[in-house]
Protein backbone atom coordinates (compact mmCIF):
# COMPACT_ATOMS: atom_id res chain seq x y z
CA MET A 1 12.24 0.56 -7.79
CA THR A 2 15.39 -1.52 -7.62
CA ASP A 3 18.34 -0.21 -5.63
CA GLU A 4 20.02 0.79 -8.89
CA ILE A 5 16.99 2.81 -10.01
CA LEU A 6 16.70 4.45 -6.59
CA SER A 7 20.41 5.35 -6.77
CA ARG A 8 19.89 6.98 -10.17
CA LEU A 9 16.88 8.89 -8.84
CA CYS A 10 18.97 10.14 -5.92
CA GLU A 11 21.78 11.20 -8.26
CA ALA A 12 19.33 13.17 -10.40
CA ALA A 13 17.78 14.71 -7.27
CA THR A 14 21.19 15.88 -6.10
CA GLU A 15 21.93 17.56 -9.42
CA ARG A 16 18.43 18.79 -10.36
CA PRO A 17 16.03 18.63 -7.39
CA ALA A 18 12.34 18.57 -8.27
CA ASN A 19 9.65 20.34 -6.29
CA ALA A 20 7.86 17.10 -5.36
CA TYR A 21 8.22 13.33 -5.62
CA LEU A 22 5.69 10.56 -5.10
CA LEU A 23 6.98 7.15 -3.99
CA ALA A 24 4.41 4.39 -4.41
CA GLY A 25 4.75 1.15 -2.45
CA GLY A 26 4.46 -0.39 1.00
CA HIS A 27 5.08 1.87 4.00
CA ASP A 28 8.30 0.21 5.18
CA ALA A 29 9.92 0.27 1.76
CA THR A 30 8.84 3.83 0.93
CA MET A 31 10.06 5.14 4.31
CA GLY A 32 13.58 3.90 3.62
CA ALA A 33 13.46 5.16 0.03
CA ALA A 34 12.07 8.55 1.11
CA ARG A 35 14.90 9.08 3.58
CA ARG A 36 17.55 8.09 1.03
CA LEU A 37 15.97 10.48 -1.46
CA ALA A 38 15.83 13.18 1.21
CA ALA A 39 19.55 12.72 1.94
CA ALA A 40 20.26 13.22 -1.76
CA LEU A 41 18.04 16.28 -2.02
CA MET A 42 19.66 17.75 1.11
CA ARG A 43 23.14 16.96 -0.27
CA VAL A 44 24.33 15.41 3.00
CA GLU A 45 25.36 12.00 1.65
CA ASP A 46 29.06 12.89 2.00
CA ASP A 47 28.58 14.05 5.59
CA ALA A 48 28.35 10.85 7.65
CA GLU A 49 26.79 12.48 10.71
CA GLN A 50 24.12 14.39 8.82
CA ALA A 51 23.40 11.47 6.48
CA GLU A 52 22.88 9.14 9.44
CA ALA A 53 20.51 11.67 11.02
CA VAL A 54 18.44 11.78 7.82
CA LEU A 55 18.26 7.98 7.55
CA ARG A 56 17.11 7.85 11.20
CA GLY A 57 14.53 10.58 10.53
CA THR A 58 16.05 12.95 13.10
CA HIS A 59 17.73 15.60 10.93
CA VAL A 60 16.69 19.15 11.77
CA ASP A 61 15.92 19.91 8.10
CA LEU A 62 13.88 16.76 7.52
CA ASP A 63 10.20 17.01 8.47
CA GLU A 64 8.11 13.82 8.40
CA LEU A 65 4.35 14.08 8.75
CA HIS A 66 1.56 11.54 9.08
CA PRO A 67 -2.25 11.91 8.90
CA ALA A 68 -3.43 13.50 12.13
CA GLY A 69 -7.21 13.23 12.13
CA ALA A 70 -8.78 9.74 12.29
CA GLY A 71 -6.21 8.47 9.84
CA VAL A 72 -6.57 11.40 7.42
CA TYR A 73 -4.83 14.70 6.84
CA LEU A 74 -6.68 17.76 8.13
CA THR A 75 -6.85 21.17 6.47
CA ARG A 76 -5.60 22.69 9.72
CA GLN A 77 -2.61 20.35 9.64
CA VAL A 78 -1.65 21.58 6.17
CA GLU A 79 -2.27 25.24 6.91
CA GLU A 80 -0.57 25.27 10.33
CA ASP A 81 2.18 22.68 9.93
CA VAL A 82 3.01 21.84 6.33
CA VAL A 83 2.89 25.26 4.65
CA PRO A 84 4.71 27.20 7.40
CA THR A 85 7.36 24.47 7.56
CA ALA A 86 7.88 24.63 3.80
CA LEU A 87 8.50 28.37 4.06
CA ARG A 88 11.25 27.99 6.68
CA ALA A 89 14.84 28.14 5.45
CA PRO A 90 16.98 25.05 6.16
CA MET A 91 19.28 25.31 9.19
CA GLN A 92 22.12 22.87 8.41
CA ALA A 93 21.64 21.37 4.97
CA PRO A 94 21.29 23.28 1.68
CA ARG A 95 17.69 22.08 1.36
CA ARG A 96 14.69 21.29 3.58
CA VAL A 97 12.68 18.17 2.75
CA ILE A 98 9.11 17.52 3.87
CA VAL A 99 7.94 13.90 3.72
CA LEU A 100 4.21 13.23 3.79
CA TYR A 101 3.39 9.59 4.57
CA GLY A 102 -0.05 8.32 3.64
CA ALA A 103 -0.50 10.74 0.75
CA ASP A 104 -3.56 8.71 -0.27
CA ARG A 105 -5.19 10.20 2.86
CA LEU A 106 -5.18 13.71 1.40
CA GLY A 107 -8.82 14.50 0.67
CA ALA A 108 -9.87 16.92 -2.05
CA VAL A 109 -10.30 19.89 0.32
CA VAL A 110 -7.00 19.27 2.09
CA ALA A 111 -5.18 18.72 -1.19
CA SER A 112 -6.41 22.05 -2.52
CA ALA A 113 -4.79 23.76 0.45
CA LEU A 114 -1.51 22.03 -0.38
CA LEU A 115 -1.38 22.25 -4.18
CA LYS A 116 0.16 25.70 -4.59
CA THR A 117 2.89 24.96 -2.05
CA ILE A 118 3.79 21.66 -3.73
CA GLU A 119 3.73 23.24 -7.18
CA GLU A 120 5.74 26.33 -6.22
CA PRO A 121 7.66 25.71 -2.99
CA PRO A 122 10.54 27.96 -1.89
CA ALA A 123 13.75 27.31 -3.82
CA THR A 124 15.25 25.46 -0.83
CA THR A 125 12.30 23.11 -0.14
CA SER A 126 11.25 19.81 -1.72
CA PHE A 127 8.37 17.45 -0.94
CA VAL A 128 8.45 13.64 -0.89
CA LEU A 129 5.01 12.02 -0.75
CA CYS A 130 4.53 8.32 0.03
CA ALA A 131 1.50 6.16 -0.72
CA VAL A 132 0.64 2.51 -1.27
CA ASP A 133 0.05 3.20 -4.96
CA SER A 134 -0.25 6.30 -7.12
CA ALA A 135 -3.80 5.37 -8.19
CA SER A 136 -5.03 6.05 -4.65
CA VAL A 137 -3.65 9.61 -4.68
CA LEU A 138 -5.66 12.48 -6.15
CA ASP A 139 -4.74 13.23 -9.76
CA THR A 140 -4.14 16.89 -8.94
CA ILE A 141 -1.36 15.82 -6.56
CA VAL A 142 0.12 13.13 -8.81
CA SER A 143 0.40 15.52 -11.77
CA ARG A 144 2.71 17.75 -9.75
CA CYS A 145 5.11 14.99 -8.68
CA VAL A 146 7.92 12.91 -10.09
CA VAL A 147 6.44 9.42 -9.59
CA HIS A 148 8.39 6.25 -8.86
CA SER A 149 7.36 2.80 -7.62
CA VAL A 150 9.17 1.16 -4.71
CA PRO A 151 9.29 -2.67 -4.46
CA PRO A 152 8.93 -4.52 -1.16
CA LEU A 153 11.87 -5.07 1.17
CA PRO A 154 13.77 -8.36 0.72
CA ALA A 155 12.14 -11.14 2.75
CA ASP A 156 14.93 -11.45 5.35
CA ALA A 157 15.12 -7.70 5.94
CA ALA A 158 11.33 -7.48 6.11
CA GLY A 159 11.23 -10.37 8.60
CA ALA A 160 13.74 -8.61 10.85
CA ALA A 161 11.73 -5.37 10.64
CA LEU A 162 8.51 -7.19 11.59
CA GLU A 163 10.27 -8.89 14.50
CA THR A 164 11.23 -5.47 15.87
CA GLU A 165 7.76 -4.07 15.29
CA LEU A 166 5.54 -6.98 16.34
CA GLY A 167 7.80 -9.20 18.43
CA CYS A 168 7.05 -12.09 16.06
CA ASP A 169 9.20 -14.95 14.85
CA PRO A 170 11.44 -13.40 12.14
CA VAL A 171 11.65 -16.68 10.23
CA ARG A 172 7.86 -16.98 10.12
CA ALA A 173 7.60 -13.29 9.14
CA ALA A 174 10.17 -13.66 6.35
CA HIS A 175 8.34 -16.76 5.14
CA LEU A 176 5.05 -14.85 4.89
CA VAL A 177 6.74 -11.96 3.10
CA ALA A 178 8.20 -14.39 0.57
CA ALA A 179 4.91 -16.25 0.16
CA THR A 180 2.79 -13.11 -0.32
CA GLY A 181 5.35 -10.77 -1.87
CA SER A 182 4.43 -7.98 0.55
CA ILE A 183 5.57 -6.91 4.00
CA ASP A 184 2.24 -5.10 4.46
CA VAL A 185 0.29 -8.31 3.79
CA ALA A 186 2.62 -10.24 6.10
CA ARG A 187 2.05 -7.66 8.85
CA LEU A 188 -1.70 -8.02 8.38
CA LEU A 189 -1.53 -11.82 8.60
CA LEU A 190 0.74 -11.76 11.67
CA SER A 191 -1.35 -9.22 13.57
CA ASP A 192 -4.87 -10.32 12.61
CA PRO A 193 -5.82 -14.00 13.06
CA GLU A 194 -8.93 -13.51 10.91
CA TRP A 195 -6.82 -12.60 7.88
CA GLU A 196 -4.45 -15.50 8.44
CA ALA A 197 -7.50 -17.79 8.54
CA ARG A 198 -8.77 -16.14 5.35
CA ARG A 199 -5.45 -16.79 3.60
CA ARG A 200 -5.58 -20.46 4.60
CA PHE A 201 -9.15 -20.60 3.28
CA TRP A 202 -7.99 -19.20 -0.07
CA LEU A 203 -5.09 -21.67 -0.26
CA GLU A 204 -7.69 -24.45 -0.07
CA VAL A 205 -9.65 -23.06 -3.04
CA PRO A 206 -7.86 -25.27 -5.64
CA LYS A 207 -8.60 -28.40 -3.58
CA ARG A 208 -12.26 -27.44 -3.27
CA LEU A 209 -12.38 -26.91 -7.02
CA GLU A 210 -11.67 -30.63 -7.37
CA ASP A 211 -14.53 -31.59 -5.06
CA ASP A 212 -17.19 -28.86 -5.31
CA THR A 213 -18.93 -27.13 -8.17
CA PHE A 214 -17.30 -24.03 -9.63
CA ALA A 215 -20.35 -21.90 -8.79
CA ALA A 216 -20.31 -23.03 -5.15
CA VAL A 217 -16.63 -22.17 -4.75
CA ILE A 218 -17.10 -18.72 -6.33
CA GLN A 219 -20.01 -18.05 -3.96
CA GLU A 220 -17.85 -19.06 -0.98
CA ILE A 221 -15.14 -16.66 -2.12
CA GLU A 222 -17.55 -13.74 -2.55
CA ASP A 223 -19.14 -14.45 0.84
CA ASP A 224 -15.70 -14.42 2.41
CA LEU A 225 -14.78 -11.14 0.71
CA GLY A 226 -18.13 -9.72 1.82
CA ALA A 227 -17.37 -10.59 5.45
CA ALA A 228 -14.08 -8.72 5.20
CA ARG A 229 -15.81 -5.66 3.74
CA ALA A 230 -18.46 -5.69 6.48
CA SER A 231 -15.82 -5.10 9.14
CA PHE A 232 -14.27 -2.32 7.05
CA ASP A 233 -17.67 -0.67 6.46
CA ALA A 234 -18.36 -0.72 10.20
CA GLY A 235 -15.24 1.39 10.72
CA HIS A 236 -16.47 3.89 8.12
CA ALA A 237 -19.86 4.10 9.83
CA SER A 238 -18.16 4.84 13.15
CA GLU A 239 -16.07 7.55 11.49
CA ARG A 240 -19.19 9.19 10.05
CA GLU A 241 -20.84 9.14 13.49
CA GLU A 242 -17.81 10.84 15.03
CA LEU A 243 -17.86 13.53 12.36
CA ASP A 244 -21.59 14.15 12.85
CA GLU A 245 -21.03 14.47 16.59
CA HIS A 246 -18.21 16.93 16.08
CA LEU A 247 -20.09 19.01 13.51
CA GLY A 248 -23.18 19.09 15.67
CA GLY A 249 -21.30 20.08 18.80
CA ALA A 250 -17.96 21.81 18.78
CA MET A 251 -18.48 23.59 15.46
CA ARG A 252 -22.09 24.65 15.92
CA GLY A 253 -22.45 28.42 16.08
CA ILE A 254 -19.28 29.07 14.11
CA LYS A 255 -19.76 31.43 11.21
CA GLY A 256 -20.27 29.48 8.00
CA HIS A 257 -21.02 26.30 9.95
CA ALA A 258 -23.51 24.95 7.40
CA ARG A 259 -21.10 25.39 4.50
CA MET A 260 -18.22 23.90 6.49
CA ARG A 261 -20.40 20.94 7.50
CA GLN A 262 -21.48 20.28 3.92
CA ARG A 263 -17.88 20.44 2.68
CA ALA A 264 -16.59 18.21 5.48
CA ILE A 265 -19.28 15.57 4.88
CA LYS A 266 -18.70 15.61 1.12
CA ASP A 267 -14.95 15.29 1.64
CA LEU A 268 -15.47 12.37 4.01
CA GLU A 269 -17.89 10.59 1.68
CA GLU A 270 -15.54 10.96 -1.29
CA ARG A 271 -12.60 9.64 0.70
CA GLN A 272 -14.59 6.71 2.09
CA LYS A 273 -15.80 5.76 -1.39
CA ARG A 274 -12.22 5.81 -2.62
CA GLU A 275 -11.05 3.81 0.40
CA ALA A 276 -13.85 1.26 -0.03
CA ARG A 277 -12.99 0.82 -3.70
CA ASN A 278 -9.28 0.51 -2.93
CA ARG A 279 -9.97 -1.93 -0.09
CA ALA A 280 -12.15 -4.15 -2.28
CA THR A 281 -9.42 -4.16 -4.92
CA ALA A 282 -6.74 -4.92 -2.32
CA ASP A 283 -8.75 -7.83 -0.90
CA ARG A 284 -9.26 -9.37 -4.33
CA ARG A 285 -5.61 -8.81 -5.19
CA LEU A 286 -4.59 -10.64 -2.01
CA LEU A 287 -6.75 -13.56 -3.12
CA LEU A 288 -5.02 -13.56 -6.53
CA VAL A 289 -1.61 -13.32 -4.84
CA THR A 290 -2.50 -16.31 -2.67
CA LEU A 291 -3.55 -18.35 -5.70
CA ALA A 292 -0.37 -17.31 -7.51
CA GLY A 293 1.64 -18.51 -4.52
CA TRP A 294 -0.17 -21.85 -4.67
CA SER A 295 0.57 -22.08 -8.41
CA ARG A 296 4.26 -21.30 -7.88
CA ASP A 297 4.40 -24.17 -5.38
CA VAL A 298 3.11 -26.48 -8.13
CA MET A 299 5.95 -25.22 -10.30
CA ALA A 300 8.40 -25.71 -7.42
CA HIS A 301 7.44 -29.40 -7.23
CA ILE A 302 7.99 -29.77 -10.97
CA VAL A 303 11.51 -28.28 -10.91
CA GLY A 304 12.48 -29.58 -7.47
CA ALA A 305 12.54 -26.25 -5.62
CA PRO A 306 11.34 -25.50 -2.04
CA VAL A 307 7.64 -24.70 -1.60
CA LEU A 308 6.38 -21.65 0.30
CA ASN A 309 2.98 -22.95 1.40
CA PRO A 310 3.52 -26.28 3.20
CA GLU A 311 -0.10 -26.21 4.42
CA VAL A 312 -1.26 -27.40 0.98
CA VAL A 313 1.75 -29.43 -0.09
CA ASP A 314 -0.30 -32.56 -0.78
CA THR A 315 -2.50 -30.76 -3.30
CA THR A 316 0.32 -28.89 -5.04
CA ARG A 317 2.43 -32.06 -5.27
CA ASP A 318 -0.49 -34.00 -6.76
CA VAL A 319 -1.19 -31.36 -9.40
CA ALA A 320 2.53 -31.19 -10.25
CA THR A 321 2.46 -34.87 -11.25
CA ARG A 322 -0.24 -34.19 -13.82
CA ARG A 323 0.69 -30.79 -15.28
CA SER A 324 3.57 -29.23 -17.19
CA LEU A 325 5.49 -26.02 -16.57
CA ARG A 326 3.68 -24.52 -19.54
CA ASP A 327 0.31 -25.24 -17.87
CA VAL A 328 1.40 -23.55 -14.66
CA LEU A 329 2.94 -20.56 -16.43
CA ARG A 330 -0.32 -20.06 -18.31
CA VAL A 331 -2.21 -19.84 -15.00
CA LEU A 332 0.37 -17.50 -13.48
CA ARG A 333 0.08 -15.23 -16.51
CA THR A 334 -3.71 -15.23 -16.15
CA LEU A 335 -3.47 -14.32 -12.45
CA GLN A 336 -1.11 -11.43 -13.24
CA GLU A 337 -3.43 -10.20 -15.99
CA ALA A 338 -6.32 -10.39 -13.53
CA SER A 339 -4.39 -8.31 -11.02
CA ASP A 340 -3.63 -5.73 -13.72
CA ALA A 341 -7.32 -5.67 -14.69
CA LEU A 342 -8.24 -4.73 -11.13
CA ASP A 343 -6.08 -1.60 -11.49
CA LEU A 344 -8.17 -0.65 -14.53
CA ASN A 345 -11.38 -0.68 -12.46
CA ALA A 346 -12.67 -3.83 -14.13
CA ASN A 347 -15.58 -5.72 -12.54
CA GLY A 348 -13.79 -7.33 -9.61
CA GLU A 349 -16.19 -10.22 -9.21
CA LEU A 350 -15.88 -11.21 -12.87
CA VAL A 351 -12.09 -10.83 -12.80
CA VAL A 352 -11.81 -13.18 -9.82
CA ALA A 353 -14.25 -15.68 -11.33
CA ASP A 354 -12.25 -15.85 -14.57
CA ALA A 355 -8.98 -16.29 -12.67
CA VAL A 356 -10.42 -19.05 -10.49
CA LEU A 357 -11.75 -20.76 -13.62
CA GLN A 358 -8.17 -20.96 -14.95
CA VAL A 359 -7.00 -22.48 -11.67
CA ARG A 360 -9.82 -25.01 -11.92
CA ARG A 361 -8.59 -26.09 -15.35
CA LEU A 362 -5.17 -26.68 -13.81
CA VAL A 363 -6.47 -28.96 -11.05
CA ALA A 364 -9.23 -30.71 -13.02
C-alpha cells in the first residue's frame, strides 16, 4: 500500500467506517499503517494532541492487543479482553478502535469466539487486524474484513527503526533492508547469525552452479532448508509438551476436561501445521529473494549502478560481462513467478529447483 493508497483508505474510513480491516505486511509497516487508519476511523486527525496520542499508541480509545499465550491468542483473551472492550463506548473520540496484531495467530477456536463481534460490532467500534499476509489468516476472518496490503518501510526509515530496536548499525540495517526488500528479514539477519550465514550461503549458489553439478547444488539447498526447519520443529515440539503438561495438570478435574483437551490439541495441531507450511514457504521465498538480489547486482554492473551484495561482486561482475539486460530480466521474471507459485501452494522443492535452473543458465 503506497502512501497515496493508504491516504485514500483513511479518507474512506473517515467517511464510511467499516466494521473490520485487515492490513497485510511486515509488523513495523502495518503498525504505522494501523495507527494512521485508527486516527482516521476515530476522526482525530484534525486534533493534533489526540492524533499524536493515536500515532504513539497511547490514546484512551485505541486498544492494541498482541497474542498472549505462547505466541498465540487465547479464547480467554478474546472473551475477557477483546469482546468487553469492543462493547465499551469511546471516551474522547467518536469511535473506539481495537487493533489485533498477529492476526495469523488466531486459531479456529479463538476465531469462532471473535467472529460475531467482528461482523457486528457496536456502531462506535471498528477492528483493525494486522498479519504478515492475508493467506495466513483464517478465511472466516478475512471474509469479514476490508483487506489491504502494506509495503515495507523505506530502507532508511527501516534502518533507523532497527537501530532503535536492536542497537545495530543503521547503515548496515538499511543496506540489508534494501538488499532483501524486507525489514522483517533484515531484523532476522541482524539478530540471528545462523540466518546471516544462510543468506551468504545462498548468495554463493550461482558461483557453485559454475563449479558443481546442478543436482549437488539443489541437494545442498534442500539440506540447508531442512536444517532451518529442524530448529523450527523443535520449538513446536516444546510447545506441544507444554500444552500436554498444562492439560494433564492444571485443567485435570475440570468439568468437560476431555472435550476441552481434545479441542485444544486439535487447535494447536492445526495452527502448527499452518505455521510449518507458512515457515517453509517463507524460507524458500527468502532464498528466491536472495537470488533475485544477486541477479539485480548483475544488472547493476551492466548499467553502472551500485550493487547491494558486495560479498559476491566478483561473480556478479563476471556474469555481467557475458550477459545482456534481457537475460537478467528473464531470470528476475522467473524468480518472481516462482515466488508467486509458492503462494499458490505449489510444490516448493520443484519451484526452487526450476528457479535455480534459470539462474544456472545465466551463469553457465
